[in-house]
Amino acid sequence: MTEKKPSCFGDIQKVFPLNTEGLRESPEECIKDCGFNKECILKAVEEDKELGRQNEILDAAYESGNIGFFARWAKKKTLYEKKRNLKNKQQDFER
């Protein structure tokens, strides 16, 4: 029987968040206490790579004045929907 993965498995905001300098790093508890850390971080990065990066690009474009509020809002909403659908598919697959 395989071990059950923790609820934070593959969640990039929990297992590989941005630090104060804008770089991603794993929290100590992930590195020391979790047996899934490598697999978990790889999954989080793979899944979030495209959607998360697009989100960060939208924020940077808005802050620099390259896109307006409503354009940013609409694009972020689309990204959120894609991310939510991906998460729902994963939960259905794990059941």
C-alpha atoms as a PDB file:
ATOM      1  CA  MET A   1       0.000   0.000   0.000  1.00  0.00           C
ATOM      2  CA  THR A   2       1.317   3.437  -0.856  1.00  0.00           C
ATOM      3  CA  GLU A   3       1.564   6.266   1.626  1.00  0.00           C
ATOM      4  CA  LYS A   4      -1.124   8.916   1.452  1.00  0.00           C
ATOM      5  CA  LYS A   5       0.184  12.216   0.167  1.00  0.00           C
ATOM      6  CA  PRO A   6      -0.388  15.292   2.348  1.00  0.00           C
ATOM      7  CA  SER A   7      -3.078  17.807   1.407  1.00  0.00           C
ATOM      8  CA  CYS A   8      -0.423  20.356   0.441  1.00  0.00           C
ATOM      9  CA  PHE A   9       1.059  17.982  -2.166  1.00  0.00           C
ATOM     10  CA  GLY A  10       1.730  19.859  -5.402  1.00  0.00           C
ATOM     11  CA  ASP A  11       0.403  23.205  -4.106  1.00  0.00           C
ATOM     12  CA  ILE A  12       3.068  25.651  -5.209  1.00  0.00           C
ATOM     13  CA  GLN A  13       1.924  28.372  -2.801  1.00  0.00           C
ATOM     14  CA  LYS A  14       2.568  26.048   0.157  1.00  0.00           C
ATOM     15  CA  VAL A  15       5.523  23.916  -0.954  1.00  0.00           C
ATOM     16  CA  PHE A  16       7.483  26.405  -3.068  1.00  0.00           C
ATOM     17  CA  PRO A  17       6.286  29.952  -2.223  1.00  0.00           C
ATOM     18  CA  LEU A  18       7.898  33.226  -3.221  1.00  0.00           C
ATOM     19  CA  ASN A  19      10.206  34.701  -0.584  1.00  0.00           C
ATOM     20  CA  THR A  20      10.565  38.405   0.208  1.00  0.00           C
ATOM     21  CA  GLU A  21      13.020  38.830  -2.671  1.00  0.00           C
ATOM     22  CA  GLY A  22      10.615  37.344  -5.218  1.00  0.00           C
ATOM     23  CA  LEU A  23      12.412  33.999  -5.491  1.00  0.00           C
ATOM     24  CA  ARG A  24      10.851  30.614  -4.826  1.00  0.00           C
ATOM     25  CA  GLU A  25      12.099  28.467  -1.948  1.00  0.00           C
ATOM     26  CA  SER A  26      10.779  25.521   0.031  1.00  0.00           C
ATOM     27  CA  PRO A  27       9.836  25.950   3.690  1.00  0.00           C
ATOM     28  CA  GLU A  28      11.967  24.067   6.227  1.00  0.00           C
ATOM     29  CA  GLU A  29       9.115  21.724   7.192  1.00  0.00           C
ATOM     30  CA  CYS A  30       8.827  20.549   3.575  1.00  0.00           C
ATOM     31  CA  ILE A  31      12.516  19.757   3.350  1.00  0.00           C
ATOM     32  CA  LYS A  32      12.914  18.090   6.746  1.00  0.00           C
ATOM     33  CA  ASP A  33       9.573  16.476   7.566  1.00  0.00           C
ATOM     34  CA  CYS A  34       8.121  15.313   4.255  1.00  0.00           C
ATOM     35  CA  GLY A  35       9.102  12.183   2.372  1.00  0.00           C
ATOM     36  CA  PHE A  36       7.445  13.447  -0.800  1.00  0.00           C
ATOM     37  CA  ASN A  37       9.341  16.740  -1.069  1.00  0.00           C
ATOM     38  CA  LYS A  38      11.121  16.182  -4.394  1.00  0.00           C
ATOM     39  CA  GLU A  39       8.109  14.624  -6.133  1.00  0.00           C
ATOM     40  CA  CYS A  40       5.819  17.266  -4.644  1.00  0.00           C
ATOM     41  CA  ILE A  41       7.890  20.256  -5.715  1.00  0.00           C
ATOM     42  CA  LEU A  42       8.347  18.869  -9.228  1.00  0.00           C
ATOM     43  CA  LYS A  43       4.597  18.370  -9.574  1.00  0.00           C
ATOM     44  CA  ALA A  44       3.857  21.848  -8.226  1.00  0.00           C
ATOM     45  CA  VAL A  45       6.304  23.480 -10.597  1.00  0.00           C
ATOM     46  CA  GLU A  46       5.080  21.524 -13.622  1.00  0.00           C
ATOM     47  CA  GLU A  47       1.420  22.297 -13.010  1.00  0.00           C
ATOM     48  CA  ASP A  48       1.854  25.859 -11.947  1.00  0.00           C
ATOM     49  CA  LYS A  49       4.623  26.745 -14.344  1.00  0.00           C
ATOM     50  CA  GLU A  50       2.474  28.079 -17.127  1.00  0.00           C
ATOM     51  CA  LEU A  51      -0.495  29.407 -15.164  1.00  0.00           C
ATOM     52  CA  GLY A  52       1.554  30.900 -12.365  1.00  0.00           C
ATOM     53  CA  ARG A  53       4.056  32.504 -14.666  1.00  0.00           C
ATOM     54  CA  GLN A  54       1.269  34.053 -16.727  1.00  0.00           C
ATOM     55  CA  ASN A  55      -0.222  35.439 -13.517  1.00  0.00           C
ATOM     56  CA  GLU A  56       3.098  36.985 -12.501  1.00  0.00           C
ATOM     57  CA  ILE A  57       3.515  38.476 -15.991  1.00  0.00           C
ATOM     58  CA  LEU A  58       0.031  40.013 -15.802  1.00  0.00           C
ATOM     59  CA  ASP A  59       0.835  41.609 -12.452  1.00  0.00           C
ATOM     60  CA  ALA A  60       4.098  43.023 -13.779  1.00  0.00           C
ATOM     61  CA  ALA A  61       2.387  44.342 -16.919  1.00  0.00           C
ATOM     62  CA  TYR A  62      -0.295  46.035 -14.825  1.00  0.00           C
ATOM     63  CA  GLU A  63       2.231  47.596 -12.453  1.00  0.00           C
ATOM     64  CA  SER A  64       4.240  48.961 -15.382  1.00  0.00           C
ATOM     65  CA  GLY A  65       1.114  50.364 -17.049  1.00  0.00           C
ATOM     66  CA  ASN A  66       1.201  48.073 -20.090  1.00  0.00           C
ATOM     67  CA  ILE A  67      -2.333  46.740 -19.503  1.00  0.00           C
ATOM     68  CA  GLY A  68      -5.350  48.251 -17.823  1.00  0.00           C
ATOM     69  CA  PHE A  69      -7.295  47.083 -14.806  1.00  0.00           C
ATOM     70  CA  PHE A  70     -10.141  45.411 -16.706  1.00  0.00           C
ATOM     71  CA  ALA A  71      -7.851  43.602 -19.159  1.00  0.00           C
ATOM     72  CA  ARG A  72      -5.804  42.280 -16.229  1.00  0.00           C
ATOM     73  CA  TRP A  73      -8.931  41.282 -14.320  1.00  0.00           C
ATOM     74  CA  ALA A  74     -10.390  39.386 -17.306  1.00  0.00           C
ATOM     75  CA  LYS A  75      -7.144  37.532 -18.003  1.00  0.00           C
ATOM     76  CA  LYS A  76      -6.626  36.666 -14.328  1.00  0.00           C
ATOM     77  CA  LYS A  77     -10.188  35.352 -14.148  1.00  0.00           C
ATOM     78  CA  THR A  78      -9.514  33.080 -17.129  1.00  0.00           C
ATOM     79  CA  LEU A  79      -6.303  31.809 -15.520  1.00  0.00           C
ATOM     80  CA  TYR A  80      -8.143  31.202 -12.240  1.00  0.00           C
ATOM     81  CA  GLU A  81     -10.798  29.149 -14.048  1.00  0.00           C
ATOM     82  CA  LYS A  82      -8.131  27.051 -15.778  1.00  0.00           C
ATOM     83  CA  LYS A  83      -6.330  26.464 -12.487  1.00  0.00           C
ATOM     84  CA  ARG A  84      -9.573  25.537 -10.710  1.00  0.00           C
ATOM     85  CA  ASN A  85     -10.528  23.097 -13.470  1.00  0.00           C
ATOM     86  CA  LEU A  86      -7.071  21.515 -13.308  1.00  0.00           C
ATOM     87  CA  LYS A  87      -7.354  21.094  -9.538  1.00  0.00           C
ATOM     88  CA  ASN A  88     -10.843  19.552  -9.845  1.00  0.00           C
ATOM     89  CA  LYS A  89      -9.600  17.076 -12.451  1.00  0.00           C
ATOM     90  CA  GLN A  90      -6.735  16.068 -10.151  1.00  0.00           C
ATOM     91  CA  GLN A  91      -9.092  15.517  -7.222  1.00  0.00           C
ATOM     92  CA  ASP A  92     -11.405  13.399  -9.375  1.00  0.00           C
ATOM     93  CA  PHE A  93      -8.448  11.344 -10.587  1.00  0.00           C
ATOM     94  CA  GLU A  94      -7.201  10.705  -7.032  1.00  0.00           C
ATOM     95  CA  ARG A  95     -10.591   9.369  -5.876  1.00  0.00           C
END
